[in-house]
Amino acid sequence: MDFMAGYSGGRKVVAPGVAGEETIRTFHNYQFMANPLACNGNLIDNPLHRGQLEILKLLGPTYAVNTIIDEQRQMSFVNFGKCVESHLQSVEVVRKYAEVPFDRKFSTLITSAAGYPLDKTYYQTVKGMVAPLQILAEGGHMIVASRCEEGLGSHEYRDSQSQLKKLGAEGFIERIRQMPLADIDGWQTHMLLRPLSIGRVSLFSEGIEGSDRELTGVEMIESIEQAIEQSVAASGDKSVAVIPEGPYVIPVYRGEV
């Protein structure tokens, strides 16, 4: 999966795989990232996906090896072929296991960064916050668990989170709106604003300490159990969505039956 380009693999071996800095930072600018179709599991009219396909056309015949791993991180599928066709075949295979349909949204949602190695930094943890947004009710509460043993992430991401703290969400968006090239790792701060625009986000993490806790942009909590109890009591809805491996699961809202 890819929480911006729909699904990873295939055309991504070229862009951003071997692309230059300008191309990579253009793909991550506001115009691409703000498009609601640039999201997890979607390849239809996704601006990043379409841009990657246009780059492939410029190159001529391009081939790729695509792989899929299972829950134990073991190889479960491999194919090789023309970049576009082989990628779509891989997507159809993984969709059966990754996409989970729902007929309702939830006021309380618990998720994670899927454990090691994706929970090493807060930068990677944001992926787990974005993946389940289709089933987070407006004004709902997302509770996230992630170790973050290496802290926030790169110094560029730390700078971006500092900008968010300084400017606030609206100010941050205004700052990046006209930038043709995204700041390195700044796109993850932009993605963080997606769940924050829907509801409340709380993070349980043993690895983020001191002043770094303020730079997360979310509420830091000391107890997952207490956060769940408070969220259920506040919403009055006892149904809770639990997604143990956040970035690897795509909850798809099909609408109320």
C-alpha atoms as a PDB file:
ATOM      1  CA  MET A   1       0.000   0.000   0.000  1.00  0.00           C
ATOM      2  CA  ASP A   2       0.947   3.642  -0.335  1.00  0.00           C
ATOM      3  CA  PHE A   3      -1.007   6.272   1.535  1.00  0.00           C
ATOM      4  CA  MET A   4      -0.493   8.821  -1.231  1.00  0.00           C
ATOM      5  CA  ALA A   5       0.068   6.918  -4.492  1.00  0.00           C
ATOM      6  CA  GLY A   6      -2.558   4.251  -3.775  1.00  0.00           C
ATOM      7  CA  TYR A   7      -0.300   1.209  -3.934  1.00  0.00           C
ATOM      8  CA  SER A   8       3.453   0.904  -3.824  1.00  0.00           C
ATOM      9  CA  GLY A   9       5.572  -0.993  -6.344  1.00  0.00           C
ATOM     10  CA  GLY A  10       5.512  -0.989 -10.138  1.00  0.00           C
ATOM     11  CA  ARG A  11       5.936   2.520 -11.498  1.00  0.00           C
ATOM     12  CA  LYS A  12       7.446   3.635  -8.175  1.00  0.00           C
ATOM     13  CA  VAL A  13      10.691   1.865  -9.051  1.00  0.00           C
ATOM     14  CA  VAL A  14      11.182   4.717 -11.529  1.00  0.00           C
ATOM     15  CA  ALA A  15       9.465   7.667  -9.828  1.00  0.00           C
ATOM     16  CA  PRO A  16      10.466   8.264  -7.133  1.00  0.00           C
ATOM     17  CA  GLY A  17      12.809   5.219  -7.194  1.00  0.00           C
ATOM     18  CA  VAL A  18      15.501   6.585  -9.519  1.00  0.00           C
ATOM     19  CA  ALA A  19      14.090  10.083 -10.081  1.00  0.00           C
ATOM     20  CA  GLY A  20      15.920  13.317  -9.372  1.00  0.00           C
ATOM     21  CA  GLU A  21      15.298  15.486  -6.328  1.00  0.00           C
ATOM     22  CA  GLU A  22      13.176  18.018  -8.226  1.00  0.00           C
ATOM     23  CA  THR A  23      10.804  15.311  -9.466  1.00  0.00           C
ATOM     24  CA  ILE A  24      10.478  13.733  -6.023  1.00  0.00           C
ATOM     25  CA  ARG A  25       9.805  17.034  -4.284  1.00  0.00           C
ATOM     26  CA  THR A  26       7.314  18.052  -6.982  1.00  0.00           C
ATOM     27  CA  PHE A  27       5.373  14.823  -6.468  1.00  0.00           C
ATOM     28  CA  HIS A  28       5.113  15.682  -2.773  1.00  0.00           C
ATOM     29  CA  ASN A  29       4.050  19.328  -3.089  1.00  0.00           C
ATOM     30  CA  TYR A  30       0.732  20.761  -1.932  1.00  0.00           C
ATOM     31  CA  GLN A  31      -1.033  20.401  -5.276  1.00  0.00           C
ATOM     32  CA  PHE A  32      -0.459  16.634  -5.285  1.00  0.00           C
ATOM     33  CA  MET A  33      -0.845  15.964  -1.561  1.00  0.00           C
ATOM     34  CA  ALA A  34      -4.000  18.040  -1.062  1.00  0.00           C
ATOM     35  CA  ASN A  35      -5.913  16.104  -3.705  1.00  0.00           C
ATOM     36  CA  PRO A  36      -8.344  13.765  -1.873  1.00  0.00           C
ATOM     37  CA  LEU A  37      -7.802  11.115  -4.562  1.00  0.00           C
ATOM     38  CA  ALA A  38      -4.119  10.878  -3.579  1.00  0.00           C
ATOM     39  CA  CYS A  39      -4.854   8.321  -0.907  1.00  0.00           C
ATOM     40  CA  ASN A  40      -4.332   4.764   0.240  1.00  0.00           C
ATOM     41  CA  GLY A  41      -5.619   2.044  -2.083  1.00  0.00           C
ATOM     42  CA  ASN A  42      -6.822   4.360  -4.871  1.00  0.00           C
ATOM     43  CA  LEU A  43      -5.406   4.283  -8.404  1.00  0.00           C
ATOM     44  CA  ILE A  44      -8.392   5.915 -10.138  1.00  0.00           C
ATOM     45  CA  ASP A  45      -7.606   9.536 -11.072  1.00  0.00           C
ATOM     46  CA  ASN A  46      -4.923   9.567  -8.383  1.00  0.00           C
ATOM     47  CA  PRO A  47      -2.647  12.461  -9.452  1.00  0.00           C
ATOM     48  CA  LEU A  48       0.532  10.776  -8.186  1.00  0.00           C
ATOM     49  CA  HIS A  49      -0.269   7.518  -9.958  1.00  0.00           C
ATOM     50  CA  ARG A  50      -1.121   9.369 -13.177  1.00  0.00           C
ATOM     51  CA  GLY A  51       2.088  11.400 -13.002  1.00  0.00           C
ATOM     52  CA  GLN A  52       4.152   8.258 -12.497  1.00  0.00           C
ATOM     53  CA  LEU A  53       2.519   6.632 -15.523  1.00  0.00           C
ATOM     54  CA  GLU A  54       3.313   9.704 -17.638  1.00  0.00           C
ATOM     55  CA  ILE A  55       6.973   9.397 -16.692  1.00  0.00           C
ATOM     56  CA  LEU A  56       6.936   5.734 -17.719  1.00  0.00           C
ATOM     57  CA  LYS A  57       5.605   6.734 -21.155  1.00  0.00           C
ATOM     58  CA  LEU A  58       8.579   9.037 -21.622  1.00  0.00           C
ATOM     59  CA  LEU A  59      10.993   6.191 -20.912  1.00  0.00           C
ATOM     60  CA  GLY A  60       9.555   3.635 -23.294  1.00  0.00           C
ATOM     61  CA  PRO A  61       9.398  -0.090 -22.455  1.00  0.00           C
ATOM     62  CA  THR A  62      10.002  -0.543 -18.730  1.00  0.00           C
ATOM     63  CA  TYR A  63       9.904  -3.712 -16.659  1.00  0.00           C
ATOM     64  CA  ALA A  64       9.625  -4.374 -12.940  1.00  0.00           C
ATOM     65  CA  VAL A  65       9.839  -7.083 -10.312  1.00  0.00           C
ATOM     66  CA  ASN A  66       7.002  -6.811  -7.785  1.00  0.00           C
ATOM     67  CA  THR A  67       6.913  -8.614  -4.443  1.00  0.00           C
ATOM     68  CA  ILE A  68       4.318  -9.076  -1.710  1.00  0.00           C
ATOM     69  CA  ILE A  69       5.113 -10.163   1.850  1.00  0.00           C
ATOM     70  CA  ASP A  70       2.783 -11.771   4.385  1.00  0.00           C
ATOM     71  CA  GLU A  71       2.209 -10.993   8.075  1.00  0.00           C
ATOM     72  CA  GLN A  72       5.423 -12.810   9.016  1.00  0.00           C
ATOM     73  CA  ARG A  73       7.343 -10.654   6.506  1.00  0.00           C
ATOM     74  CA  GLN A  74       7.815 -13.754   4.327  1.00  0.00           C
ATOM     75  CA  MET A  75       7.648 -13.594   0.544  1.00  0.00           C
ATOM     76  CA  SER A  76       4.169 -14.634  -0.617  1.00  0.00           C
ATOM     77  CA  PHE A  77       4.036 -13.399  -4.217  1.00  0.00           C
ATOM     78  CA  VAL A  78       6.543 -12.366  -6.885  1.00  0.00           C
ATOM     79  CA  ASN A  79       6.044 -11.406 -10.495  1.00  0.00           C
ATOM     80  CA  PHE A  80       7.977  -9.801 -13.333  1.00  0.00           C
ATOM     81  CA  GLY A  81       6.800  -8.086 -16.475  1.00  0.00           C
ATOM     82  CA  LYS A  82       5.913  -4.802 -18.111  1.00  0.00           C
ATOM     83  CA  CYS A  83       5.852  -2.205 -15.377  1.00  0.00           C
ATOM     84  CA  VAL A  84       2.187  -1.204 -15.580  1.00  0.00           C
ATOM     85  CA  GLU A  85       0.657  -4.626 -16.232  1.00  0.00           C
ATOM     86  CA  SER A  86       2.724  -6.522 -13.667  1.00  0.00           C
ATOM     87  CA  HIS A  87       1.991  -3.870 -11.039  1.00  0.00           C
ATOM     88  CA  LEU A  88      -1.770  -4.049 -11.584  1.00  0.00           C
ATOM     89  CA  GLN A  89      -1.625  -7.831 -11.288  1.00  0.00           C
ATOM     90  CA  SER A  90       0.175  -7.488  -7.935  1.00  0.00           C
ATOM     91  CA  VAL A  91      -2.373  -4.925  -6.746  1.00  0.00           C
ATOM     92  CA  GLU A  92      -5.252  -7.305  -7.487  1.00  0.00           C
ATOM     93  CA  VAL A  93      -3.519 -10.030  -5.464  1.00  0.00           C
ATOM     94  CA  VAL A  94      -2.864  -7.902  -2.381  1.00  0.00           C
ATOM     95  CA  ARG A  95      -6.275  -6.184  -2.448  1.00  0.00           C
ATOM     96  CA  LYS A  96      -7.978  -9.425  -1.401  1.00  0.00           C
ATOM     97  CA  TYR A  97      -6.004  -9.403   1.834  1.00  0.00           C
ATOM     98  CA  ALA A  98      -5.465  -5.707   2.553  1.00  0.00           C
ATOM     99  CA  GLU A  99      -8.831  -4.077   1.859  1.00  0.00           C
ATOM    100  CA  VAL A 100     -11.527  -4.607   4.503  1.00  0.00           C
ATOM    101  CA  PRO A 101     -15.055  -3.296   3.771  1.00  0.00           C
ATOM    102  CA  PHE A 102     -17.114  -1.526   6.453  1.00  0.00           C
ATOM    103  CA  ASP A 103     -20.701  -0.293   6.440  1.00  0.00           C
ATOM    104  CA  ARG A 104     -20.199   2.179   9.284  1.00  0.00           C
ATOM    105  CA  LYS A 105     -17.744   4.616  10.821  1.00  0.00           C
ATOM    106  CA  PHE A 106     -16.423   4.624  14.364  1.00  0.00           C
ATOM    107  CA  SER A 107     -16.130   7.280  17.048  1.00  0.00           C
ATOM    108  CA  THR A 108     -13.284   5.341  18.690  1.00  0.00           C
ATOM    109  CA  LEU A 109     -10.541   3.807  16.565  1.00  0.00           C
ATOM    110  CA  ILE A 110      -7.371   2.104  17.766  1.00  0.00           C
ATOM    111  CA  THR A 111      -4.452   1.523  15.447  1.00  0.00           C
ATOM    112  CA  SER A 112      -0.679   1.239  15.327  1.00  0.00           C
ATOM    113  CA  ALA A 113       2.394   1.671  13.146  1.00  0.00           C
ATOM    114  CA  ALA A 114       2.419  -2.133  12.587  1.00  0.00           C
ATOM    115  CA  GLY A 115       5.420  -2.783  14.804  1.00  0.00           C
ATOM    116  CA  TYR A 116       9.076  -3.004  13.828  1.00  0.00           C
ATOM    117  CA  PRO A 117      10.465  -1.559  11.618  1.00  0.00           C
ATOM    118  CA  LEU A 118       7.678   0.921  10.805  1.00  0.00           C
ATOM    119  CA  ASP A 119       7.332   2.003  14.434  1.00  0.00           C
ATOM    120  CA  LYS A 120      10.951   3.141  14.718  1.00  0.00           C
ATOM    121  CA  THR A 121      10.088   6.813  14.137  1.00  0.00           C
ATOM    122  CA  TYR A 122       7.134   9.134  14.447  1.00  0.00           C
ATOM    123  CA  TYR A 123       7.605  10.025  10.775  1.00  0.00           C
ATOM    124  CA  GLN A 124       6.673   6.464   9.800  1.00  0.00           C
ATOM    125  CA  THR A 125       3.934   6.305  12.434  1.00  0.00           C
ATOM    126  CA  VAL A 126       1.897   8.931  10.595  1.00  0.00           C
ATOM    127  CA  LYS A 127       1.208   6.330   7.872  1.00  0.00           C
ATOM    128  CA  GLY A 128      -0.768   4.333  10.411  1.00  0.00           C
ATOM    129  CA  MET A 129      -2.815   7.422  11.249  1.00  0.00           C
ATOM    130  CA  VAL A 130      -3.787   8.100   7.631  1.00  0.00           C
ATOM    131  CA  ALA A 131      -4.637   4.552   6.507  1.00  0.00           C
ATOM    132  CA  PRO A 132      -7.918   4.126   8.485  1.00  0.00           C
ATOM    133  CA  LEU A 133      -9.432   7.557   7.854  1.00  0.00           C
ATOM    134  CA  GLN A 134     -12.344   6.238   5.794  1.00  0.00           C
ATOM    135  CA  ILE A 135     -13.900   4.723   8.914  1.00  0.00           C
ATOM    136  CA  LEU A 136     -13.113   7.456  11.451  1.00  0.00           C
ATOM    137  CA  ALA A 137     -16.309   9.334  12.256  1.00  0.00           C
ATOM    138  CA  GLU A 138     -16.314  13.130  12.128  1.00  0.00           C
ATOM    139  CA  GLY A 139     -15.163  14.318  15.533  1.00  0.00           C
ATOM    140  CA  GLY A 140     -14.026  10.794  16.392  1.00  0.00           C
ATOM    141  CA  HIS A 141     -11.031   9.770  18.467  1.00  0.00           C
ATOM    142  CA  MET A 142      -8.070   7.888  16.964  1.00  0.00           C
ATOM    143  CA  ILE A 143      -5.752   6.213  19.476  1.00  0.00           C
ATOM    144  CA  VAL A 144      -2.348   5.202  18.096  1.00  0.00           C
ATOM    145  CA  ALA A 145       0.344   2.983  19.631  1.00  0.00           C
ATOM    146  CA  SER A 146       3.912   3.214  18.316  1.00  0.00           C
ATOM    147  CA  ARG A 147       7.244   2.690  20.046  1.00  0.00           C
ATOM    148  CA  CYS A 148       9.193   5.378  18.127  1.00  0.00           C
ATOM    149  CA  GLU A 149      12.483   4.205  19.598  1.00  0.00           C
ATOM    150  CA  GLU A 150      14.385   6.533  17.250  1.00  0.00           C
ATOM    151  CA  GLY A 151      12.230   9.529  18.098  1.00  0.00           C
ATOM    152  CA  LEU A 152      10.634  11.864  15.593  1.00  0.00           C
ATOM    153  CA  GLY A 153      12.748  10.993  12.549  1.00  0.00           C
ATOM    154  CA  SER A 154      15.002  13.082  10.308  1.00  0.00           C
ATOM    155  CA  HIS A 155      16.082  16.591  11.194  1.00  0.00           C
ATOM    156  CA  GLU A 156      14.110  17.829   8.165  1.00  0.00           C
ATOM    157  CA  TYR A 157      10.953  16.273   9.582  1.00  0.00           C
ATOM    158  CA  ARG A 158      11.691  17.778  12.984  1.00  0.00           C
ATOM    159  CA  ASP A 159      11.984  21.197  11.318  1.00  0.00           C
ATOM    160  CA  SER A 160       8.660  20.650   9.549  1.00  0.00           C
ATOM    161  CA  GLN A 161       6.925  19.676  12.782  1.00  0.00           C
ATOM    162  CA  SER A 162       8.418  22.771  14.412  1.00  0.00           C
ATOM    163  CA  GLN A 163       6.836  24.849  11.649  1.00  0.00           C
ATOM    164  CA  LEU A 164       3.482  23.225  12.397  1.00  0.00           C
ATOM    165  CA  LYS A 165       3.809  24.049  16.083  1.00  0.00           C
ATOM    166  CA  LYS A 166       4.788  27.644  15.279  1.00  0.00           C
ATOM    167  CA  LEU A 167       2.247  28.385  12.541  1.00  0.00           C
ATOM    168  CA  GLY A 168      -0.653  26.104  13.402  1.00  0.00           C
ATOM    169  CA  ALA A 169      -2.482  23.974  10.825  1.00  0.00           C
ATOM    170  CA  GLU A 170      -3.863  26.859   8.750  1.00  0.00           C
ATOM    171  CA  GLY A 171      -0.586  28.737   8.778  1.00  0.00           C
ATOM    172  CA  PHE A 172       1.339  25.637   7.771  1.00  0.00           C
ATOM    173  CA  ILE A 173      -0.986  25.020   4.817  1.00  0.00           C
ATOM    174  CA  GLU A 174      -0.686  28.639   3.675  1.00  0.00           C
ATOM    175  CA  ARG A 175       3.100  28.338   3.831  1.00  0.00           C
ATOM    176  CA  ILE A 176       3.272  25.269   1.580  1.00  0.00           C
ATOM    177  CA  ARG A 177       0.348  26.064  -0.737  1.00  0.00           C
ATOM    178  CA  GLN A 178       2.417  27.966  -3.313  1.00  0.00           C
ATOM    179  CA  MET A 179       5.652  26.002  -2.981  1.00  0.00           C
ATOM    180  CA  PRO A 180       6.454  24.165  -6.256  1.00  0.00           C
ATOM    181  CA  LEU A 181       8.903  21.909  -4.413  1.00  0.00           C
ATOM    182  CA  ALA A 182       7.955  20.372  -1.079  1.00  0.00           C
ATOM    183  CA  ASP A 183      10.356  20.563   1.828  1.00  0.00           C
ATOM    184  CA  ILE A 184      12.111  17.235   2.348  1.00  0.00           C
ATOM    185  CA  ASP A 185       9.946  15.122   4.688  1.00  0.00           C
ATOM    186  CA  GLY A 186       7.572  18.067   5.086  1.00  0.00           C
ATOM    187  CA  TRP A 187       4.912  16.097   3.231  1.00  0.00           C
ATOM    188  CA  GLN A 188       4.516  13.866   6.275  1.00  0.00           C
ATOM    189  CA  THR A 189       3.489  16.870   8.346  1.00  0.00           C
ATOM    190  CA  HIS A 190       0.982  17.703   5.617  1.00  0.00           C
ATOM    191  CA  MET A 191      -0.389  14.139   5.810  1.00  0.00           C
ATOM    192  CA  LEU A 192      -0.668  14.400   9.604  1.00  0.00           C
ATOM    193  CA  LEU A 193      -3.187  17.188   9.110  1.00  0.00           C
ATOM    194  CA  ARG A 194      -5.593  14.752   7.414  1.00  0.00           C
ATOM    195  CA  PRO A 195      -6.573  12.847  10.592  1.00  0.00           C
ATOM    196  CA  LEU A 196      -6.391  16.054  12.623  1.00  0.00           C
ATOM    197  CA  SER A 197      -8.941  17.657  10.302  1.00  0.00           C
ATOM    198  CA  ILE A 198     -11.424  14.865  11.091  1.00  0.00           C
ATOM    199  CA  GLY A 199     -11.070  14.300  14.803  1.00  0.00           C
ATOM    200  CA  ARG A 200      -8.829  13.889  17.794  1.00  0.00           C
ATOM    201  CA  VAL A 201      -5.577  11.919  17.670  1.00  0.00           C
ATOM    202  CA  SER A 202      -3.861  10.493  20.744  1.00  0.00           C
ATOM    203  CA  LEU A 203      -0.462   8.783  20.724  1.00  0.00           C
ATOM    204  CA  PHE A 204       0.962   6.271  23.167  1.00  0.00           C
ATOM    205  CA  SER A 205       4.724   6.055  22.674  1.00  0.00           C
ATOM    206  CA  GLU A 206       7.612   5.142  24.916  1.00  0.00           C
ATOM    207  CA  GLY A 207      10.239   6.584  22.596  1.00  0.00           C
ATOM    208  CA  ILE A 208       9.172  10.220  22.320  1.00  0.00           C
ATOM    209  CA  GLU A 209      10.306  12.216  25.316  1.00  0.00           C
ATOM    210  CA  GLY A 210      10.800  15.757  26.539  1.00  0.00           C
ATOM    211  CA  SER A 211      10.190  18.656  24.164  1.00  0.00           C
ATOM    212  CA  ASP A 212       9.735  16.241  21.256  1.00  0.00           C
ATOM    213  CA  ARG A 213       6.307  15.360  22.648  1.00  0.00           C
ATOM    214  CA  GLU A 214       5.057  18.844  21.799  1.00  0.00           C
ATOM    215  CA  LEU A 215       6.367  18.524  18.236  1.00  0.00           C
ATOM    216  CA  THR A 216       4.160  15.522  17.487  1.00  0.00           C
ATOM    217  CA  GLY A 217       1.195  17.843  16.975  1.00  0.00           C
ATOM    218  CA  VAL A 218      -1.084  15.318  18.694  1.00  0.00           C
ATOM    219  CA  GLU A 219      -2.094  14.487  22.253  1.00  0.00           C
ATOM    220  CA  MET A 220       0.393  12.268  24.087  1.00  0.00           C
ATOM    221  CA  ILE A 221      -1.211   9.767  26.459  1.00  0.00           C
ATOM    222  CA  GLU A 222       0.105   7.490  29.216  1.00  0.00           C
ATOM    223  CA  SER A 223      -2.597   4.814  29.067  1.00  0.00           C
ATOM    224  CA  ILE A 224      -4.318   3.295  26.050  1.00  0.00           C
ATOM    225  CA  GLU A 225      -6.959   1.668  28.249  1.00  0.00           C
ATOM    226  CA  GLN A 226      -7.881   4.958  29.907  1.00  0.00           C
ATOM    227  CA  ALA A 227      -8.038   6.723  26.534  1.00  0.00           C
ATOM    228  CA  ILE A 228     -10.440   4.064  25.211  1.00  0.00           C
ATOM    229  CA  GLU A 229     -12.685   4.317  28.278  1.00  0.00           C
ATOM    230  CA  GLN A 230     -12.827   8.110  28.024  1.00  0.00           C
ATOM    231  CA  SER A 231     -13.503   8.038  24.283  1.00  0.00           C
ATOM    232  CA  VAL A 232     -16.354   5.512  24.585  1.00  0.00           C
ATOM    233  CA  ALA A 233     -17.877   7.434  27.478  1.00  0.00           C
ATOM    234  CA  ALA A 234     -17.679  10.732  25.587  1.00  0.00           C
ATOM    235  CA  SER A 235     -19.187   9.378  22.355  1.00  0.00           C
ATOM    236  CA  GLY A 236     -21.731   7.038  23.890  1.00  0.00           C
ATOM    237  CA  ASP A 237     -20.802   4.500  21.218  1.00  0.00           C
ATOM    238  CA  LYS A 238     -19.468   1.236  22.623  1.00  0.00           C
ATOM    239  CA  SER A 239     -18.365  -0.076  19.220  1.00  0.00           C
ATOM    240  CA  VAL A 240     -14.597   0.284  18.797  1.00  0.00           C
ATOM    241  CA  ALA A 241     -12.569  -0.320  15.627  1.00  0.00           C
ATOM    242  CA  VAL A 242      -9.242  -2.069  16.278  1.00  0.00           C
ATOM    243  CA  ILE A 243      -6.599  -2.208  13.534  1.00  0.00           C
ATOM    244  CA  PRO A 244      -3.506  -3.979  14.907  1.00  0.00           C
ATOM    245  CA  GLU A 245      -1.328  -3.334  11.837  1.00  0.00           C
ATOM    246  CA  GLY A 246      -2.297   0.158  10.761  1.00  0.00           C
ATOM    247  CA  PRO A 247      -0.399   0.845   7.519  1.00  0.00           C
ATOM    248  CA  TYR A 248      -0.987  -2.681   6.172  1.00  0.00           C
ATOM    249  CA  VAL A 249      -4.786  -2.568   6.382  1.00  0.00           C
ATOM    250  CA  ILE A 250      -7.086  -0.463   4.202  1.00  0.00           C
ATOM    251  CA  PRO A 251     -10.531  -0.084   5.796  1.00  0.00           C
ATOM    252  CA  VAL A 252     -12.955   0.794   2.969  1.00  0.00           C
ATOM    253  CA  TYR A 253     -16.185   2.561   3.882  1.00  0.00           C
ATOM    254  CA  ARG A 254     -18.996   1.270   1.670  1.00  0.00           C
ATOM    255  CA  GLY A 255     -21.702   3.419   3.217  1.00  0.00           C
ATOM    256  CA  GLU A 256     -24.403   2.547   5.706  1.00  0.00           C
ATOM    257  CA  VAL A 257     -26.655  -0.352   4.793  1.00  0.00           C
END
